[in-house]
Protein backbone atom coordinates (compact mmCIF):
# COMPACT_ATOMS: atom_id res chain seq x y z
CA UNK A 1 3.09 -4.97 13.12
CA UNK A 2 0.27 -6.37 11.64
CA UNK A 3 -1.19 -3.12 11.16
CA UNK A 4 2.16 -1.86 9.58
CA UNK A 5 1.56 -4.83 7.08
CA UNK A 6 -2.00 -3.79 5.99
CA UNK A 7 -0.71 -0.28 5.64
CA UNK A 8 1.82 -1.22 3.49
CA UNK A 9 -0.66 -3.36 1.49
CA UNK A 10 -2.94 -1.02 0.95
CA UNK A 11 -0.02 1.31 -0.06
CA UNK A 12 1.41 -0.81 -2.81
CA UNK A 13 -2.43 -2.16 -3.79
CA UNK A 14 -3.34 1.67 -4.53
CA UNK A 15 -0.14 2.17 -6.61
CA UNK A 16 0.17 -1.18 -7.91
CA UNK A 17 -2.13 -2.67 -10.62
CA UNK A 18 -2.13 -6.46 -11.95
CA UNK A 19 0.48 -6.01 -14.35
CA UNK A 20 3.41 -5.81 -12.15
CA UNK A 21 6.65 -7.09 -13.26
CA UNK A 22 6.51 -10.69 -12.19
CA UNK A 23 9.82 -11.78 -10.45
CA UNK A 24 10.65 -15.33 -9.84
CA UNK A 25 9.29 -14.44 -6.01
CA UNK A 26 5.97 -13.32 -7.33
CA UNK A 27 5.52 -16.40 -9.51
CA UNK A 28 6.49 -18.84 -6.69
CA UNK A 29 3.87 -17.03 -4.31
CA UNK A 30 1.19 -17.20 -6.89
CA UNK A 31 2.19 -20.91 -7.55
CA UNK A 32 2.09 -21.58 -3.91
CA UNK A 33 -1.34 -19.94 -3.87
CA UNK A 34 -2.55 -21.90 -6.78
CA UNK A 35 -3.36 -18.65 -8.42
CA UNK A 36 -2.41 -17.14 -11.78
CA UNK A 37 0.33 -14.36 -11.13
CA UNK A 38 -0.69 -12.30 -13.77
CA UNK A 39 -3.80 -11.87 -12.57
CA UNK A 40 -2.64 -10.40 -9.44
CA UNK A 41 0.08 -8.12 -8.01
CA UNK A 42 2.68 -9.30 -5.65
CA UNK A 43 0.96 -7.10 -2.60
CA UNK A 44 -2.51 -8.76 -3.44
CA UNK A 45 -0.64 -12.27 -3.39
CA UNK A 46 0.58 -11.55 0.00
CA UNK A 47 -2.85 -10.03 1.38
CA UNK A 48 -4.40 -13.52 0.22
CA UNK A 49 -1.62 -15.34 1.62
CA UNK A 50 -2.19 -13.48 5.26
CA UNK A 51 -5.97 -14.18 4.79
CA UNK A 52 -5.57 -17.57 4.16
CA UNK A 53 -3.14 -18.40 6.94
CA UNK A 54 -5.23 -16.34 9.63
CA UNK A 55 -8.45 -18.38 8.31
CA UNK A 56 -10.19 -15.08 7.38
CA UNK A 57 -12.32 -15.95 4.05
CA UNK A 58 -13.59 -12.55 3.58
CA UNK A 59 -10.52 -10.84 3.28
CA UNK A 60 -9.46 -13.54 0.81
CA UNK A 61 -12.48 -13.28 -1.26
CA UNK A 62 -12.16 -9.38 -1.27
CA UNK A 63 -8.56 -9.75 -2.83
CA UNK A 64 -9.57 -12.71 -4.88
CA UNK A 65 -12.45 -10.49 -6.42
CA UNK A 66 -10.24 -7.56 -6.70
CA UNK A 67 -12.53 -5.36 -4.72
CA UNK A 68 -9.39 -3.68 -3.37
CA UNK A 69 -9.13 -2.01 -6.82
CA UNK A 70 -12.01 -0.24 -6.19
CA UNK A 71 -11.00 3.54 -6.70
CA UNK A 72 -12.74 4.64 -3.27
CA UNK A 73 -10.16 5.62 -0.87
CA UNK A 74 -8.05 7.67 -3.24
CA UNK A 75 -7.16 11.52 -2.96
CA UNK A 76 -10.26 13.24 -3.40
CA UNK A 77 -12.71 10.65 -2.75
CA UNK A 78 -14.25 10.46 0.76
CA UNK A 79 -15.37 7.38 2.65
CA UNK A 80 -17.15 7.28 6.02
CA UNK A 81 -14.08 5.22 7.13
CA UNK A 82 -11.72 7.56 5.50
CA UNK A 83 -13.71 10.85 6.79
CA UNK A 84 -13.30 9.19 10.28
CA UNK A 85 -9.70 8.35 10.28
CA UNK A 86 -9.20 12.23 8.81
CA UNK A 87 -11.26 13.49 11.44
CA UNK A 88 -9.10 12.05 14.56
CA UNK A 89 -6.07 13.25 12.66
CA UNK A 90 -7.54 16.73 12.12
CA UNK A 91 -6.89 16.78 8.51
CA UNK A 92 -9.41 17.39 5.27
CA UNK A 93 -10.03 13.56 4.15
CA UNK A 94 -10.11 15.02 0.36
CA UNK A 95 -6.55 16.06 0.51
CA UNK A 96 -5.20 12.62 1.21
CA UNK A 97 -5.53 8.88 0.35
CA UNK A 98 -6.47 6.33 2.57
CA UNK A 99 -2.96 4.62 2.85
CA UNK A 100 -1.83 7.96 3.58
CA UNK A 101 -4.17 8.76 6.48
CA UNK A 102 -3.26 4.97 7.83
CA UNK A 103 0.46 5.90 7.73
CA UNK A 104 0.12 8.90 9.38
CA UNK A 105 -2.22 7.17 11.87
CA UNK A 106 0.27 4.53 12.74
CA UNK A 107 3.27 7.18 12.93
CA UNK A 108 1.36 9.17 15.65
CA UNK A 109 0.57 5.96 17.64
CA UNK A 110 4.41 5.34 17.41
CA UNK A 111 5.02 8.67 18.45
CA UNK A 112 7.01 9.43 15.31
CA UNK A 113 5.88 13.01 14.65
CA UNK A 114 8.32 13.59 11.81
CA UNK A 115 7.22 10.64 9.94
CA UNK A 116 3.54 11.65 10.18
CA UNK A 117 4.38 15.31 9.18
CA UNK A 118 6.20 13.96 6.40
CA UNK A 119 2.95 12.09 5.05
CA UNK A 120 0.51 14.80 5.86
CA UNK A 121 2.49 17.75 4.12
CA UNK A 122 2.67 16.11 1.00
CA UNK A 123 6.46 15.50 0.95
CA UNK A 124 6.03 11.77 0.60
CA UNK A 125 4.39 12.42 -2.66
CA UNK A 126 7.23 14.36 -4.19
CA UNK A 127 9.39 12.50 -6.76
CA UNK A 128 12.68 11.37 -6.12
CA UNK A 129 15.45 12.33 -8.56
CA UNK A 130 18.18 9.81 -8.11
CA UNK A 131 21.72 10.97 -9.56
CA UNK A 132 23.66 7.74 -10.90
CA UNK A 133 27.09 7.60 -9.19
CA UNK A 134 30.00 6.85 -11.53
CA UNK A 135 31.12 3.51 -11.67
CA UNK A 136 34.96 2.75 -11.37
CA UNK A 137 36.51 2.93 -14.64
CA UNK A 138 33.52 4.39 -16.42
CA UNK A 139 31.92 8.02 -16.15
CA UNK A 140 34.60 8.86 -14.01
């Protein structure tokens, strides 16, 4: 479960910047952590909260200093850790983001090959076109 949270946090952090929409929950979490909500995304606030709860000062500092926003680990970037995960999966590390590799690894560990294939074949990157359904009395 913890790995799924970390993977989700990495994925969200990679796609969400500090200028994320501030919801009441976001503002409440920032206030609880005594941080400026405009400076952090909800995923970052959640990671900071987890680090504090686990008494993991190095992870807390990592997110407080915005080191998680470094571009290393994106598609095209190859870091030693990313290369190792890709080698275990038997794929090219330059074709996937770190979050995708972690997600595929977690899915394979859970013996869910269909979801791992979904991530590794790039289908998870496809845009989803949502067709609005007509409301009763309107557009029908």
